[in-house]
N, C-alpha and C. Protein backbone atom coordinates (compact mmCIF):
# COMPACT_ATOMS: atom_id res chain seq x y z
N MET A 1 0.85 -1.17 0.00
CA MET A 1 0.00 0.00 0.00
C MET A 1 0.90 1.24 0.00
N ASP A 2 0.75 2.07 -0.98
CA ASP A 2 1.54 3.29 -1.13
C ASP A 2 0.98 4.39 -0.22
N ILE A 3 1.84 5.27 0.25
CA ILE A 3 1.42 6.35 1.14
C ILE A 3 0.42 7.27 0.44
N SER A 4 0.59 7.47 -0.85
CA SER A 4 -0.31 8.36 -1.58
C SER A 4 -1.59 7.67 -2.03
N SER A 5 -1.76 6.43 -1.64
CA SER A 5 -2.95 5.67 -2.02
C SER A 5 -4.18 6.19 -1.30
N LYS A 6 -5.33 6.07 -1.92
CA LYS A 6 -6.59 6.51 -1.29
C LYS A 6 -7.10 5.48 -0.30
N LYS A 7 -6.60 4.27 -0.37
CA LYS A 7 -7.05 3.22 0.54
C LYS A 7 -6.38 3.31 1.91
N LEU A 8 -5.20 3.88 1.99
CA LEU A 8 -4.47 3.94 3.25
C LEU A 8 -5.20 4.77 4.31
N PRO A 9 -5.65 5.99 4.02
CA PRO A 9 -6.37 6.74 5.07
C PRO A 9 -7.64 6.04 5.52
N ILE A 10 -8.35 5.41 4.62
CA ILE A 10 -9.57 4.70 4.99
C ILE A 10 -9.23 3.52 5.90
N ALA A 11 -8.16 2.79 5.56
CA ALA A 11 -7.75 1.65 6.39
C ALA A 11 -7.33 2.12 7.78
N LEU A 12 -6.61 3.23 7.86
CA LEU A 12 -6.19 3.75 9.16
C LEU A 12 -7.38 4.21 9.99
N ILE A 13 -8.34 4.86 9.37
CA ILE A 13 -9.54 5.30 10.09
C ILE A 13 -10.31 4.11 10.63
N VAL A 14 -10.48 3.07 9.83
CA VAL A 14 -11.20 1.87 10.27
C VAL A 14 -10.45 1.21 11.42
N LEU A 15 -9.13 1.13 11.32
CA LEU A 15 -8.32 0.53 12.38
C LEU A 15 -8.45 1.32 13.68
N LEU A 16 -8.34 2.65 13.60
CA LEU A 16 -8.43 3.48 14.80
C LEU A 16 -9.83 3.45 15.41
N LEU A 17 -10.86 3.40 14.59
CA LEU A 17 -12.22 3.28 15.12
C LEU A 17 -12.42 1.93 15.81
N GLY A 18 -11.84 0.89 15.28
CA GLY A 18 -11.91 -0.43 15.91
C GLY A 18 -11.23 -0.43 17.27
N ILE A 19 -10.07 0.20 17.36
CA ILE A 19 -9.36 0.28 18.64
C ILE A 19 -10.16 1.11 19.63
N LEU A 20 -10.74 2.21 19.18
CA LEU A 20 -11.55 3.05 20.06
C LEU A 20 -12.77 2.30 20.58
N MET A 21 -13.45 1.56 19.72
CA MET A 21 -14.62 0.78 20.16
C MET A 21 -14.22 -0.29 21.16
N LEU A 22 -13.08 -0.93 20.96
CA LEU A 22 -12.61 -1.94 21.89
C LEU A 22 -12.32 -1.34 23.26
N GLN A 23 -11.74 -0.16 23.30
CA GLN A 23 -11.46 0.50 24.57
C GLN A 23 -12.74 0.91 25.28
N ILE A 24 -13.72 1.38 24.55
CA ILE A 24 -14.99 1.79 25.16
C ILE A 24 -15.71 0.58 25.74
N ILE A 25 -15.70 -0.52 25.03
CA ILE A 25 -16.39 -1.73 25.49
C ILE A 25 -15.72 -2.30 26.73
N SER A 26 -14.40 -2.30 26.77
CA SER A 26 -13.68 -2.92 27.88
C SER A 26 -13.44 -1.97 29.04
N ASN A 27 -13.97 -0.76 29.02
CA ASN A 27 -13.70 0.24 30.04
C ASN A 27 -14.76 0.27 31.14
N ASP A 28 -15.56 -0.76 31.30
CA ASP A 28 -16.61 -0.77 32.31
C ASP A 28 -16.08 -0.89 33.73
N SER A 29 -14.89 -1.44 33.91
CA SER A 29 -14.39 -1.68 35.26
C SER A 29 -13.80 -0.43 35.90
N ASP A 30 -13.77 0.68 35.20
CA ASP A 30 -13.17 1.88 35.76
C ASP A 30 -14.19 2.80 36.43
N LYS A 31 -15.34 2.31 36.75
CA LYS A 31 -16.34 3.13 37.43
C LYS A 31 -15.92 3.26 38.89
N LYS A 32 -15.60 4.48 39.30
CA LYS A 32 -15.15 4.72 40.66
C LYS A 32 -16.30 5.26 41.49
N PHE A 33 -16.35 4.82 42.74
CA PHE A 33 -17.37 5.26 43.67
C PHE A 33 -16.68 5.87 44.89
N ILE A 34 -17.41 6.69 45.62
CA ILE A 34 -16.87 7.32 46.82
C ILE A 34 -17.70 6.89 48.01
N ASP A 35 -17.01 6.39 49.03
CA ASP A 35 -17.68 5.99 50.27
C ASP A 35 -18.14 7.26 50.98
N ALA A 36 -19.41 7.34 51.31
CA ALA A 36 -19.98 8.57 51.88
C ALA A 36 -19.45 8.84 53.29
N GLU A 37 -19.11 7.82 54.04
CA GLU A 37 -18.66 8.03 55.41
C GLU A 37 -17.18 8.37 55.51
N THR A 38 -16.36 7.70 54.70
CA THR A 38 -14.91 7.88 54.82
C THR A 38 -14.29 8.68 53.69
N CYS A 39 -15.05 8.96 52.62
CA CYS A 39 -14.58 9.65 51.42
C CYS A 39 -13.51 8.85 50.67
N GLU A 40 -13.43 7.57 50.94
CA GLU A 40 -12.44 6.74 50.27
C GLU A 40 -13.00 6.27 48.91
N ILE A 41 -12.14 6.23 47.91
CA ILE A 41 -12.54 5.84 46.56
C ILE A 41 -12.43 4.32 46.44
N TRP A 42 -13.46 3.72 45.84
CA TRP A 42 -13.47 2.28 45.65
C TRP A 42 -14.06 1.92 44.30
N VAL A 43 -13.73 0.72 43.82
CA VAL A 43 -14.28 0.19 42.57
C VAL A 43 -14.97 -1.12 42.90
N GLU A 44 -15.94 -1.48 42.08
CA GLU A 44 -16.67 -2.72 42.30
C GLU A 44 -16.01 -3.84 41.50
N ASP A 45 -15.71 -4.95 42.17
CA ASP A 45 -15.13 -6.11 41.51
C ASP A 45 -16.18 -6.75 40.62
N ASN A 46 -15.84 -7.03 39.38
CA ASN A 46 -16.82 -7.58 38.45
C ASN A 46 -17.24 -9.00 38.80
N PHE A 47 -16.35 -9.78 39.41
CA PHE A 47 -16.67 -11.18 39.69
C PHE A 47 -17.44 -11.35 41.00
N THR A 48 -16.98 -10.69 42.06
CA THR A 48 -17.61 -10.88 43.37
C THR A 48 -18.63 -9.81 43.70
N LYS A 49 -18.66 -8.73 42.93
CA LYS A 49 -19.56 -7.59 43.17
C LYS A 49 -19.35 -6.96 44.54
N LYS A 50 -18.13 -7.07 45.06
CA LYS A 50 -17.78 -6.46 46.34
C LYS A 50 -16.88 -5.26 46.09
N PRO A 51 -16.92 -4.26 46.98
CA PRO A 51 -16.05 -3.09 46.77
C PRO A 51 -14.59 -3.40 47.05
N THR A 52 -13.71 -2.83 46.24
CA THR A 52 -12.28 -2.92 46.45
C THR A 52 -11.78 -1.49 46.68
N TYR A 53 -11.32 -1.23 47.89
CA TYR A 53 -10.88 0.12 48.23
C TYR A 53 -9.48 0.37 47.68
N LEU A 54 -9.26 1.59 47.19
CA LEU A 54 -8.01 1.94 46.51
C LEU A 54 -7.03 2.70 47.40
N ASN A 55 -7.38 2.91 48.67
CA ASN A 55 -6.56 3.69 49.60
C ASN A 55 -6.29 5.10 49.07
N GLU A 56 -7.29 5.65 48.38
CA GLU A 56 -7.24 7.03 47.89
C GLU A 56 -8.49 7.73 48.41
N PHE A 57 -8.37 9.02 48.67
CA PHE A 57 -9.49 9.78 49.21
C PHE A 57 -9.83 10.92 48.27
N ASP A 58 -11.11 11.21 48.15
CA ASP A 58 -11.59 12.28 47.29
C ASP A 58 -11.42 13.61 48.02
N PRO A 59 -10.61 14.53 47.47
CA PRO A 59 -10.37 15.79 48.18
C PRO A 59 -11.62 16.67 48.31
N LYS A 60 -12.51 16.65 47.33
CA LYS A 60 -13.72 17.47 47.42
C LYS A 60 -14.63 16.95 48.53
N CYS A 61 -14.71 15.65 48.67
CA CYS A 61 -15.52 15.06 49.73
C CYS A 61 -14.93 15.39 51.10
N LEU A 62 -13.62 15.31 51.20
CA LEU A 62 -12.97 15.62 52.48
C LEU A 62 -13.16 17.09 52.84
N ASP A 63 -13.08 17.99 51.86
CA ASP A 63 -13.32 19.41 52.13
C ASP A 63 -14.74 19.64 52.59
N PHE A 64 -15.68 18.97 51.98
CA PHE A 64 -17.09 19.11 52.35
C PHE A 64 -17.33 18.60 53.77
N LYS A 65 -16.70 17.48 54.11
CA LYS A 65 -16.86 16.92 55.45
C LYS A 65 -16.24 17.85 56.51
N ASN A 66 -15.13 18.52 56.16
CA ASN A 66 -14.48 19.42 57.11
C ASN A 66 -15.31 20.68 57.32
N LEU A 67 -16.05 21.10 56.30
CA LEU A 67 -16.88 22.29 56.43
C LEU A 67 -18.16 22.01 57.21
N ASN A 68 -18.66 20.78 57.10
CA ASN A 68 -19.91 20.39 57.78
C ASN A 68 -19.63 19.24 58.76
N PRO A 69 -19.15 19.54 59.96
CA PRO A 69 -18.85 18.45 60.92
C PRO A 69 -20.08 17.79 61.47
């Protein structure tokens, strides 16, 4: 396939759209939740449906909790 060919841009667009669709489909596990009591960020395990805490805290939630004791 020559660089000046009209088929090359179409093939690249189809390839990149395929990669983008694959990333969107497989990106379901990145849904992050915030624990209301501790402001800790957690994700839900797809197999056990239990929360997995990430040992990270949401700064906006912590600021809100400090303003409203």
